[in-house]
Amino acid sequence: MKSLDQLQVKIFADGADLEGILQLGRLPYIQGFTTNPTLMRESGITDYEVFSRQVLEHIRNRPVSFEVFSDEFDEMEVQARQIAVWGKNVFVKIPVTNTRGESSLALIEKLSAAGIQLNVTALMPLEQVRQVSAAMGGRARAFISVFAGRIADTGVDPMPLMKEAVEIISPYPNQELIWASPRELLNIFQADEIGCHVITVTHGILRKLHLVGKSLEEYSLDTVKMFYSDAQRAGYQL
């Protein structure tokens, strides 16, 4: 198994906990940050712009992605243009469709042509990857987020799909593929294996990074000790 410093895939921290973001920002192997309205809501964020600008006060030289939250394309465009000027390291997240399943391709192409850095999100089938990659072409720098974890949730192995997605976007050096919604640390090494450019990892999963390379015998013993300790604390008797 590779060590963290041998990985080619870039690790982006995914979350909306400001304190956690600042802590992770001190780690050299965290090369970017992403968030979304769901994570913000779960963290109790009430002012979208204030929170975003607080993050950008501290994270200035690594990519940070913030998502639009309208369901109408004209409003998405207004929001995207507002978000884009918050910082040179800002990427605007645009969902691949709206909630009615209507394609965002026209908006994606328009924003990319205007030089706005995008992170097109919530992709799953390869046809979406082909369409989005072609729409952005060789214009502004962009990320394409394929939700490999959610693909795996359906019982489908995401590895072959993600490997093909890397090939699809390869003609455009301005585009990078994100392995989104990972479920476990193993996904980092899987993403690296198939040449994926970036993986977004939640703060919870990142807290397990100290386990990489841990002896399985030692980990087994730790698990036995945990079960025993919890039984003692609970005062269980038969």
Protein backbone atom coordinates (compact mmCIF):
# COMPACT_ATOMS: atom_id res chain seq x y z
CA MET A 1 0.00 0.00 0.00
CA LYS A 2 1.22 3.50 -0.83
CA SER A 3 1.80 6.02 1.92
CA LEU A 4 -0.07 9.33 1.79
CA ASP A 5 2.97 11.19 0.45
CA GLN A 6 3.20 8.75 -2.47
CA LEU A 7 -0.33 9.37 -3.72
CA GLN A 8 -0.89 11.25 -6.96
CA VAL A 9 -4.59 11.88 -6.32
CA LYS A 10 -5.28 15.20 -4.60
CA ILE A 11 -7.32 15.10 -1.40
CA PHE A 12 -9.95 17.84 -0.97
CA ALA A 13 -11.70 18.17 2.40
CA ASP A 14 -15.49 18.13 2.07
CA GLY A 15 -17.46 19.83 4.82
CA ALA A 16 -18.93 23.00 6.28
CA ASP A 17 -17.45 23.03 9.77
CA LEU A 18 -15.32 26.20 9.90
CA GLU A 19 -13.17 25.01 12.77
CA GLY A 20 -12.59 21.70 11.00
CA ILE A 21 -11.73 23.47 7.77
CA LEU A 22 -9.17 25.65 9.55
CA GLN A 23 -7.59 22.61 11.23
CA LEU A 24 -7.43 20.68 7.96
CA GLY A 25 -6.04 23.76 6.24
CA ARG A 26 -2.86 23.30 8.28
CA LEU A 27 -2.23 19.88 6.76
CA PRO A 28 -0.03 19.89 3.64
CA TYR A 29 -1.79 16.92 2.02
CA ILE A 30 -5.17 18.69 1.99
CA GLN A 31 -5.00 20.44 -1.37
CA GLY A 32 -8.48 21.91 -1.65
CA PHE A 33 -11.92 22.26 -0.08
CA THR A 34 -15.52 21.66 -1.15
CA THR A 35 -18.87 22.19 0.48
CA ASN A 36 -22.55 22.20 -0.48
CA PRO A 37 -25.88 23.50 0.85
CA THR A 38 -26.67 20.20 2.57
CA LEU A 39 -23.42 20.21 4.53
CA MET A 40 -23.91 23.87 5.40
CA ARG A 41 -27.42 23.25 6.69
CA GLU A 42 -26.24 20.28 8.76
CA SER A 43 -23.54 22.52 10.30
CA GLY A 44 -26.10 25.17 11.22
CA ILE A 45 -24.92 27.77 8.70
CA THR A 46 -27.59 30.47 8.31
CA ASP A 47 -25.74 33.09 6.25
CA TYR A 48 -24.31 31.51 3.11
CA GLU A 49 -22.11 34.40 2.01
CA VAL A 50 -20.77 35.28 5.46
CA PHE A 51 -19.67 31.69 6.04
CA SER A 52 -18.12 31.41 2.58
CA ARG A 53 -16.14 34.61 3.01
CA GLN A 54 -14.93 33.46 6.43
CA VAL A 55 -13.54 30.33 4.79
CA LEU A 56 -11.85 32.37 2.08
CA GLU A 57 -10.21 34.67 4.62
CA HIS A 58 -8.14 31.67 5.71
CA ILE A 59 -7.98 29.49 2.58
CA ARG A 60 -6.46 31.67 -0.13
CA ASN A 61 -4.12 29.52 -2.19
CA ARG A 62 -6.10 26.29 -2.61
CA PRO A 63 -9.31 25.64 -4.57
CA VAL A 64 -12.56 26.12 -2.68
CA SER A 65 -15.92 25.14 -4.22
CA PHE A 66 -19.24 26.79 -3.31
CA GLU A 67 -22.54 25.71 -4.87
CA VAL A 68 -25.40 27.70 -6.32
CA PHE A 69 -28.75 26.89 -4.73
CA SER A 70 -31.40 28.14 -7.14
CA ASP A 71 -33.42 25.71 -9.25
CA GLU A 72 -33.86 28.14 -12.14
CA PHE A 73 -31.05 28.55 -14.64
CA ASP A 74 -31.25 32.33 -14.92
CA GLU A 75 -30.98 32.62 -11.13
CA MET A 76 -28.19 30.03 -11.09
CA GLU A 77 -26.25 32.24 -13.48
CA VAL A 78 -26.70 35.32 -11.28
CA GLN A 79 -25.58 33.37 -8.21
CA ALA A 80 -22.64 31.82 -10.06
CA ARG A 81 -21.35 35.21 -11.16
CA GLN A 82 -21.71 36.56 -7.61
CA ILE A 83 -19.87 33.61 -6.06
CA ALA A 84 -17.12 33.63 -8.68
CA VAL A 85 -15.83 37.07 -7.65
CA TRP A 86 -15.32 36.10 -4.01
CA GLY A 87 -11.80 34.92 -4.76
CA LYS A 88 -9.40 33.74 -7.46
CA ASN A 89 -9.38 30.29 -5.87
CA VAL A 90 -13.18 29.96 -5.98
CA PHE A 91 -14.89 27.30 -8.09
CA VAL A 92 -18.64 27.56 -8.58
CA LYS A 93 -20.53 24.30 -8.19
CA ILE A 94 -23.29 23.84 -10.77
CA PRO A 95 -25.53 20.75 -10.56
CA VAL A 96 -25.65 18.73 -13.77
CA THR A 97 -29.45 19.20 -13.88
CA ASN A 98 -32.06 21.10 -11.92
CA THR A 99 -34.64 19.27 -9.78
CA ARG A 100 -36.87 18.77 -12.83
CA GLY A 101 -34.11 16.85 -14.58
CA GLU A 102 -33.49 19.65 -17.09
CA SER A 103 -29.89 19.76 -18.28
CA SER A 104 -27.55 22.52 -17.10
CA LEU A 105 -25.32 22.17 -20.18
CA ALA A 106 -26.23 25.51 -21.75
CA LEU A 107 -25.47 27.36 -18.52
CA ILE A 108 -22.27 25.39 -17.97
CA GLU A 109 -21.05 26.25 -21.45
CA LYS A 110 -21.95 29.93 -21.01
CA LEU A 111 -20.22 30.29 -17.65
CA SER A 112 -17.13 28.41 -18.77
CA ALA A 113 -16.86 30.59 -21.88
CA ALA A 114 -17.02 33.61 -19.56
CA GLY A 115 -13.93 32.37 -17.75
CA ILE A 116 -15.71 31.25 -14.58
CA GLN A 117 -14.07 28.30 -12.84
CA LEU A 118 -16.66 25.56 -12.38
CA ASN A 119 -17.17 22.41 -10.39
CA VAL A 120 -20.01 20.57 -12.13
CA THR A 121 -21.55 18.27 -9.56
CA ALA A 122 -23.86 15.28 -9.00
CA LEU A 123 -22.84 13.40 -12.17
CA MET A 124 -23.21 9.62 -12.30
CA PRO A 125 -23.70 8.07 -15.78
CA LEU A 126 -20.82 8.37 -18.23
CA GLU A 127 -23.01 10.15 -20.77
CA GLN A 128 -23.24 13.06 -18.35
CA VAL A 129 -19.45 13.14 -18.15
CA ARG A 130 -19.15 13.21 -21.95
CA GLN A 131 -21.68 16.02 -22.29
CA VAL A 132 -20.32 18.19 -19.49
CA SER A 133 -16.70 17.76 -20.57
CA ALA A 134 -17.57 18.72 -24.15
CA ALA A 135 -19.62 21.71 -23.00
CA MET A 136 -16.68 23.17 -21.07
CA GLY A 137 -14.05 22.15 -23.61
CA GLY A 138 -10.68 23.76 -23.14
CA ARG A 139 -11.97 26.95 -21.57
CA ALA A 140 -11.72 27.88 -17.88
CA ARG A 141 -10.25 25.52 -15.31
CA ALA A 142 -12.92 23.08 -14.09
CA PHE A 143 -13.70 20.06 -11.97
CA ILE A 144 -16.18 17.34 -12.89
CA SER A 145 -17.57 15.62 -9.79
CA VAL A 146 -18.76 12.06 -10.34
CA PHE A 147 -20.47 10.63 -7.27
CA ALA A 148 -18.66 7.31 -7.15
CA GLY A 149 -19.86 6.57 -3.62
CA ARG A 150 -23.49 6.88 -4.62
CA ILE A 151 -22.84 4.73 -7.68
CA ALA A 152 -21.46 2.07 -5.33
CA ASP A 153 -24.59 2.43 -3.17
CA THR A 154 -26.60 1.03 -6.11
CA GLY A 155 -24.48 -2.13 -6.19
CA VAL A 156 -22.39 -1.00 -9.18
CA ASP A 157 -18.59 -1.07 -8.99
CA PRO A 158 -17.54 2.54 -9.70
CA MET A 159 -13.94 1.70 -10.58
CA PRO A 160 -14.42 0.90 -14.31
CA LEU A 161 -16.75 3.86 -14.73
CA MET A 162 -14.35 6.28 -13.04
CA LYS A 163 -11.43 4.97 -15.07
CA GLU A 164 -13.35 5.61 -18.29
CA ALA A 165 -14.34 9.07 -17.04
CA VAL A 166 -10.65 9.92 -16.67
CA GLU A 167 -10.16 8.99 -20.33
CA ILE A 168 -13.20 10.97 -21.47
CA ILE A 169 -11.91 14.26 -20.07
CA SER A 170 -8.24 13.60 -20.94
CA PRO A 171 -8.28 15.77 -24.12
CA TYR A 172 -8.85 18.83 -21.92
CA PRO A 173 -5.95 19.61 -19.54
CA ASN A 174 -8.05 22.31 -17.87
CA GLN A 175 -10.49 19.68 -16.57
CA GLU A 176 -9.97 17.42 -13.56
CA LEU A 177 -12.10 14.50 -12.43
CA ILE A 178 -13.30 14.38 -8.82
CA TRP A 179 -14.16 11.08 -7.11
CA ALA A 180 -17.04 12.42 -5.01
CA SER A 181 -18.98 10.94 -2.06
CA PRO A 182 -16.39 8.37 -0.93
CA ARG A 183 -17.50 5.95 1.74
CA GLU A 184 -14.18 4.83 3.24
CA LEU A 185 -10.43 5.52 3.21
CA LEU A 186 -9.90 2.70 0.72
CA ASN A 187 -11.59 4.91 -1.90
CA ILE A 188 -8.62 7.30 -1.76
CA PHE A 189 -6.29 4.52 -2.89
CA GLN A 190 -8.79 3.31 -5.49
CA ALA A 191 -9.06 6.80 -6.94
CA ASP A 192 -5.28 7.03 -7.08
CA GLU A 193 -5.05 3.62 -8.77
CA ILE A 194 -7.24 4.62 -11.73
CA GLY A 195 -5.61 8.03 -12.19
CA CYS A 196 -8.43 10.16 -10.83
CA HIS A 197 -7.20 13.71 -10.26
CA VAL A 198 -9.05 14.57 -7.03
CA ILE A 199 -11.07 12.89 -4.31
CA THR A 200 -13.31 14.83 -1.93
CA VAL A 201 -13.28 13.35 1.57
CA THR A 202 -15.54 14.26 4.47
CA HIS A 203 -14.03 15.46 7.71
CA GLY A 204 -15.24 12.28 9.43
CA ILE A 205 -13.38 10.00 7.05
CA LEU A 206 -10.29 12.22 7.18
CA ARG A 207 -10.14 11.65 10.93
CA LYS A 208 -9.33 8.00 10.14
CA LEU A 209 -6.18 8.83 8.18
CA HIS A 210 -4.01 7.82 11.13
CA LEU A 211 -5.14 4.23 10.46
CA VAL A 212 -3.39 4.05 7.07
CA GLY A 213 -0.68 1.39 7.31
CA LYS A 214 -1.75 0.24 10.78
CA SER A 215 -0.95 -3.38 11.61
CA LEU A 216 -4.06 -5.55 11.24
CA GLU A 217 -3.02 -7.64 14.23
CA GLU A 218 -2.77 -4.48 16.34
CA TYR A 219 -6.08 -3.19 14.99
CA SER A 220 -7.72 -6.53 15.81
CA LEU A 221 -6.47 -6.31 19.39
CA ASP A 222 -7.68 -2.70 19.68
CA THR A 223 -11.14 -3.87 18.58
CA VAL A 224 -11.23 -6.64 21.19
CA LYS A 225 -10.19 -4.13 23.86
CA MET A 226 -12.94 -1.75 22.75
CA PHE A 227 -15.65 -4.42 23.08
CA TYR A 228 -14.35 -5.46 26.51
CA SER A 229 -14.07 -1.87 27.77
CA ASP A 230 -17.57 -0.96 26.64
CA ALA A 231 -19.05 -4.05 28.30
CA GLN A 232 -17.30 -3.15 31.56
CA ARG A 233 -18.46 0.47 31.44
CA ALA A 234 -22.02 -0.66 30.80
CA GLY A 235 -21.88 -2.97 33.83
CA TYR A 236 -23.31 -5.93 31.92
CA GLN A 237 -23.82 -9.13 33.93
CA LEU A 238 -25.28 -12.57 33.25
